[in-house]
Amino acid sequence: MSVIVTNHAEDRAKERLGWNKHAIKRMAERAYETGISHADTDGKLRKYFDKLFLMEHQANNVRIYGQVVYLFSDNRLITLFMIPKNIEKSIKNK
C-alpha cells in the first residue's frame, strides 16, 4: 500500500529531522510496513502508545521505526517526531 505524506508531516520532517521530500516518503513507507505497532508492545512502551492515541485523535495507526514515531490516519502520514529519551530503552528490546 502506498503511503500519502501530508504537507504537515513533510514540514515536520524537514524541521525536526532535516529530511527531504524523498527521504520522508521512503521512511514513511518503511515505518508503515515494518515499524513497531501497538500490538507489538507491552509495559512502558504500550503506555506510551496509549498516550499517543489519546493525544492525537486523527491517528488510527501509530508506528515506531528507528528513533522516530510516525502517526498515520489509515495510509496518510499526519506527523512524526523523535522518541523521548525515557522510551528509547524499551524500543531496543523489540
N, C-alpha and C. Protein backbone atom coordinates (compact mmCIF):
# COMPACT_ATOMS: atom_id res chain seq x y z
N MET A 1 0.84 -1.17 0.00
CA MET A 1 0.00 0.00 0.00
C MET A 1 0.89 1.24 0.00
N SER A 2 0.52 2.19 -0.78
CA SER A 2 1.29 3.42 -0.89
C SER A 2 0.91 4.38 0.24
N VAL A 3 1.89 4.99 0.83
CA VAL A 3 1.68 5.95 1.91
C VAL A 3 1.60 7.35 1.32
N ILE A 4 0.65 8.13 1.82
CA ILE A 4 0.50 9.52 1.42
C ILE A 4 1.08 10.38 2.54
N VAL A 5 1.97 11.28 2.19
CA VAL A 5 2.59 12.18 3.16
C VAL A 5 1.90 13.53 3.09
N THR A 6 1.31 13.96 4.19
CA THR A 6 0.64 15.26 4.22
C THR A 6 1.68 16.39 4.23
N ASN A 7 1.23 17.57 3.87
CA ASN A 7 2.12 18.74 3.90
C ASN A 7 2.64 18.99 5.31
N HIS A 8 1.78 18.80 6.30
CA HIS A 8 2.19 19.00 7.69
C HIS A 8 3.32 18.02 8.06
N ALA A 9 3.16 16.76 7.70
CA ALA A 9 4.19 15.75 8.01
C ALA A 9 5.49 16.08 7.29
N GLU A 10 5.39 16.53 6.07
CA GLU A 10 6.59 16.91 5.31
C GLU A 10 7.31 18.08 5.99
N ASP A 11 6.55 19.07 6.42
CA ASP A 11 7.14 20.21 7.12
C ASP A 11 7.81 19.79 8.41
N ARG A 12 7.14 18.91 9.19
CA ARG A 12 7.71 18.44 10.46
C ARG A 12 8.97 17.62 10.23
N ALA A 13 9.00 16.82 9.18
CA ALA A 13 10.19 16.01 8.88
C ALA A 13 11.37 16.91 8.53
N LYS A 14 11.13 17.95 7.78
CA LYS A 14 12.20 18.90 7.44
C LYS A 14 12.67 19.63 8.69
N GLU A 15 11.73 20.08 9.49
CA GLU A 15 12.04 20.86 10.69
C GLU A 15 12.75 20.04 11.76
N ARG A 16 12.20 18.87 12.07
CA ARG A 16 12.69 18.08 13.20
C ARG A 16 13.82 17.13 12.86
N LEU A 17 13.86 16.65 11.61
CA LEU A 17 14.82 15.62 11.25
C LEU A 17 15.75 16.02 10.11
N GLY A 18 15.43 17.10 9.41
CA GLY A 18 16.26 17.54 8.30
C GLY A 18 16.11 16.68 7.05
N TRP A 19 15.00 15.97 6.93
CA TRP A 19 14.77 15.09 5.78
C TRP A 19 14.20 15.87 4.61
N ASN A 20 14.53 15.40 3.39
CA ASN A 20 13.93 15.98 2.20
C ASN A 20 12.68 15.18 1.82
N LYS A 21 12.01 15.60 0.77
CA LYS A 21 10.73 15.01 0.37
C LYS A 21 10.85 13.51 0.07
N HIS A 22 11.94 13.11 -0.59
CA HIS A 22 12.12 11.69 -0.96
C HIS A 22 12.43 10.84 0.26
N ALA A 23 13.20 11.37 1.19
CA ALA A 23 13.55 10.62 2.40
C ALA A 23 12.31 10.37 3.26
N ILE A 24 11.47 11.38 3.42
CA ILE A 24 10.28 11.19 4.25
C ILE A 24 9.33 10.17 3.64
N LYS A 25 9.17 10.19 2.33
CA LYS A 25 8.30 9.21 1.66
C LYS A 25 8.85 7.80 1.86
N ARG A 26 10.14 7.63 1.66
CA ARG A 26 10.78 6.31 1.80
C ARG A 26 10.68 5.80 3.25
N MET A 27 10.98 6.66 4.21
CA MET A 27 10.95 6.26 5.61
C MET A 27 9.52 6.02 6.09
N ALA A 28 8.57 6.80 5.61
CA ALA A 28 7.17 6.60 5.99
C ALA A 28 6.66 5.24 5.51
N GLU A 29 7.04 4.85 4.29
CA GLU A 29 6.63 3.55 3.78
C GLU A 29 7.26 2.41 4.58
N ARG A 30 8.52 2.55 4.94
CA ARG A 30 9.18 1.54 5.76
C ARG A 30 8.52 1.42 7.13
N ALA A 31 8.23 2.57 7.74
CA ALA A 31 7.59 2.57 9.05
C ALA A 31 6.21 1.94 8.98
N TYR A 32 5.46 2.27 7.95
CA TYR A 32 4.10 1.75 7.80
C TYR A 32 4.11 0.23 7.65
N GLU A 33 5.07 -0.28 6.89
CA GLU A 33 5.11 -1.72 6.61
C GLU A 33 5.80 -2.54 7.69
N THR A 34 6.89 -2.02 8.27
CA THR A 34 7.68 -2.85 9.18
C THR A 34 7.89 -2.25 10.57
N GLY A 35 7.31 -1.09 10.85
CA GLY A 35 7.51 -0.44 12.14
C GLY A 35 6.82 -1.18 13.28
N ILE A 36 7.20 -0.84 14.49
CA ILE A 36 6.60 -1.43 15.68
C ILE A 36 5.20 -0.86 15.83
N SER A 37 4.22 -1.73 15.96
CA SER A 37 2.83 -1.30 16.11
C SER A 37 2.38 -1.48 17.57
N HIS A 38 1.20 -1.03 17.87
CA HIS A 38 0.64 -1.13 19.22
C HIS A 38 0.58 -2.59 19.67
N ALA A 39 0.21 -3.48 18.78
CA ALA A 39 0.10 -4.90 19.12
C ALA A 39 1.44 -5.53 19.49
N ASP A 40 2.53 -4.93 19.05
CA ASP A 40 3.87 -5.46 19.31
C ASP A 40 4.48 -4.94 20.61
N THR A 41 3.72 -4.18 21.39
CA THR A 41 4.29 -3.52 22.55
C THR A 41 3.75 -4.08 23.86
N ASP A 42 4.45 -3.77 24.93
CA ASP A 42 4.00 -4.06 26.29
C ASP A 42 4.69 -3.10 27.25
N GLY A 43 4.25 -3.09 28.49
CA GLY A 43 4.89 -2.27 29.52
C GLY A 43 4.91 -0.79 29.22
N LYS A 44 6.06 -0.18 29.45
CA LYS A 44 6.23 1.27 29.30
C LYS A 44 5.95 1.73 27.87
N LEU A 45 6.37 0.93 26.91
CA LEU A 45 6.16 1.28 25.51
C LEU A 45 4.67 1.25 25.17
N ARG A 46 3.91 0.31 25.70
CA ARG A 46 2.46 0.25 25.45
C ARG A 46 1.77 1.47 26.06
N LYS A 47 2.18 1.86 27.25
CA LYS A 47 1.59 3.05 27.88
C LYS A 47 1.86 4.29 27.03
N TYR A 48 3.05 4.36 26.46
CA TYR A 48 3.40 5.48 25.59
C TYR A 48 2.50 5.49 24.35
N PHE A 49 2.28 4.33 23.74
CA PHE A 49 1.39 4.24 22.58
C PHE A 49 -0.03 4.67 22.95
N ASP A 50 -0.51 4.22 24.11
CA ASP A 50 -1.86 4.59 24.55
C ASP A 50 -1.98 6.11 24.69
N LYS A 51 -0.95 6.73 25.23
CA LYS A 51 -0.93 8.19 25.40
C LYS A 51 -1.00 8.88 24.03
N LEU A 52 -0.26 8.35 23.05
CA LEU A 52 -0.28 8.94 21.71
C LEU A 52 -1.66 8.84 21.07
N PHE A 53 -2.32 7.69 21.23
CA PHE A 53 -3.66 7.53 20.66
C PHE A 53 -4.64 8.50 21.29
N LEU A 54 -4.52 8.74 22.58
CA LEU A 54 -5.42 9.67 23.25
C LEU A 54 -5.12 11.11 22.87
N MET A 55 -3.85 11.41 22.66
CA MET A 55 -3.42 12.77 22.34
C MET A 55 -3.79 13.18 20.92
N GLU A 56 -3.61 12.30 19.97
CA GLU A 56 -3.83 12.60 18.55
C GLU A 56 -5.05 11.84 18.06
N HIS A 57 -6.20 12.50 18.06
CA HIS A 57 -7.47 11.84 17.73
C HIS A 57 -7.59 11.43 16.27
N GLN A 58 -6.88 12.09 15.39
CA GLN A 58 -6.96 11.74 13.97
C GLN A 58 -6.21 10.46 13.65
N ALA A 59 -5.21 10.14 14.45
CA ALA A 59 -4.36 8.98 14.17
C ALA A 59 -5.05 7.69 14.58
N ASN A 60 -5.03 6.71 13.67
CA ASN A 60 -5.55 5.40 14.00
C ASN A 60 -4.47 4.32 13.82
N ASN A 61 -3.26 4.76 13.54
CA ASN A 61 -2.15 3.84 13.34
C ASN A 61 -0.86 4.56 13.72
N VAL A 62 -0.27 4.14 14.82
CA VAL A 62 0.99 4.73 15.27
C VAL A 62 2.07 3.68 15.09
N ARG A 63 3.18 4.07 14.50
CA ARG A 63 4.30 3.16 14.27
C ARG A 63 5.59 3.79 14.76
N ILE A 64 6.48 2.95 15.24
CA ILE A 64 7.82 3.39 15.58
C ILE A 64 8.78 2.67 14.66
N TYR A 65 9.64 3.42 14.04
CA TYR A 65 10.67 2.86 13.17
C TYR A 65 11.94 3.64 13.43
N GLY A 66 12.97 2.95 13.85
CA GLY A 66 14.20 3.63 14.24
C GLY A 66 13.95 4.40 15.52
N GLN A 67 14.27 5.66 15.51
CA GLN A 67 14.06 6.53 16.68
C GLN A 67 12.95 7.54 16.44
N VAL A 68 12.04 7.22 15.52
CA VAL A 68 11.00 8.17 15.12
C VAL A 68 9.62 7.54 15.30
N VAL A 69 8.68 8.35 15.79
CA VAL A 69 7.27 7.96 15.90
C VAL A 69 6.54 8.53 14.70
N TYR A 70 5.80 7.69 14.02
CA TYR A 70 5.01 8.08 12.85
C TYR A 70 3.54 7.94 13.21
N LEU A 71 2.76 8.98 13.02
CA LEU A 71 1.33 8.93 13.27
C LEU A 71 0.59 8.96 11.94
N PHE A 72 -0.13 7.87 11.68
CA PHE A 72 -0.87 7.71 10.43
C PHE A 72 -2.37 7.76 10.69
N SER A 73 -3.11 8.23 9.71
CA SER A 73 -4.55 8.07 9.65
C SER A 73 -4.78 7.23 8.40
N ASP A 74 -5.09 5.97 8.62
CA ASP A 74 -5.13 4.97 7.56
C ASP A 74 -3.75 4.93 6.89
N ASN A 75 -3.64 5.29 5.63
CA ASN A 75 -2.32 5.26 4.97
C ASN A 75 -1.73 6.66 4.78
N ARG A 76 -2.29 7.66 5.46
CA ARG A 76 -1.79 9.04 5.38
C ARG A 76 -0.93 9.36 6.59
N LEU A 77 0.30 9.79 6.37
CA LEU A 77 1.17 10.21 7.45
C LEU A 77 0.76 11.61 7.88
N ILE A 78 0.36 11.73 9.15
CA ILE A 78 -0.10 13.02 9.68
C ILE A 78 1.06 13.84 10.22
N THR A 79 1.87 13.21 11.06
CA THR A 79 3.01 13.90 11.65
C THR A 79 4.03 12.88 12.15
N LEU A 80 5.17 13.35 12.56
CA LEU A 80 6.21 12.48 13.09
C LEU A 80 7.08 13.27 14.05
N PHE A 81 7.70 12.56 14.97
CA PHE A 81 8.61 13.19 15.92
C PHE A 81 9.55 12.15 16.50
N MET A 82 10.58 12.63 17.17
CA MET A 82 11.58 11.74 17.77
C MET A 82 11.02 11.08 19.03
N ILE A 83 11.52 9.88 19.31
CA ILE A 83 11.15 9.15 20.52
C ILE A 83 11.74 9.87 21.73
N PRO A 84 10.97 10.01 22.82
CA PRO A 84 11.55 10.58 24.04
C PRO A 84 12.66 9.68 24.59
N LYS A 85 13.64 10.27 25.21
CA LYS A 85 14.80 9.53 25.72
C LYS A 85 14.40 8.43 26.70
N ASN A 86 13.38 8.64 27.52
CA ASN A 86 13.00 7.64 28.51
C ASN A 86 12.31 6.41 27.89
N ILE A 87 11.94 6.48 26.63
CA ILE A 87 11.28 5.35 25.96
C ILE A 87 12.28 4.57 25.10
N GLU A 88 13.39 5.16 24.74
CA GLU A 88 14.36 4.52 23.83
C GLU A 88 14.79 3.13 24.30
N LYS A 89 15.01 2.93 25.58
CA LYS A 89 15.44 1.63 26.10
C LYS A 89 14.39 0.56 25.84
N SER A 90 13.12 0.92 25.93
CA SER A 90 12.04 -0.04 25.69
C SER A 90 11.99 -0.48 24.24
N ILE A 91 12.39 0.39 23.33
CA ILE A 91 12.36 0.08 21.90
C ILE A 91 13.49 -0.87 21.54
N LYS A 92 14.64 -0.69 22.14
CA LYS A 92 15.79 -1.52 21.82
C LYS A 92 15.54 -2.99 22.14
N ASN A 93 14.59 -3.28 23.02
CA ASN A 93 14.25 -4.65 23.37
C ASN A 93 13.32 -5.29 22.37
N LYS A 94 12.79 -4.53 21.42
CA LYS A 94 11.81 -5.05 20.44
C LYS A 94 12.49 -5.50 19.17
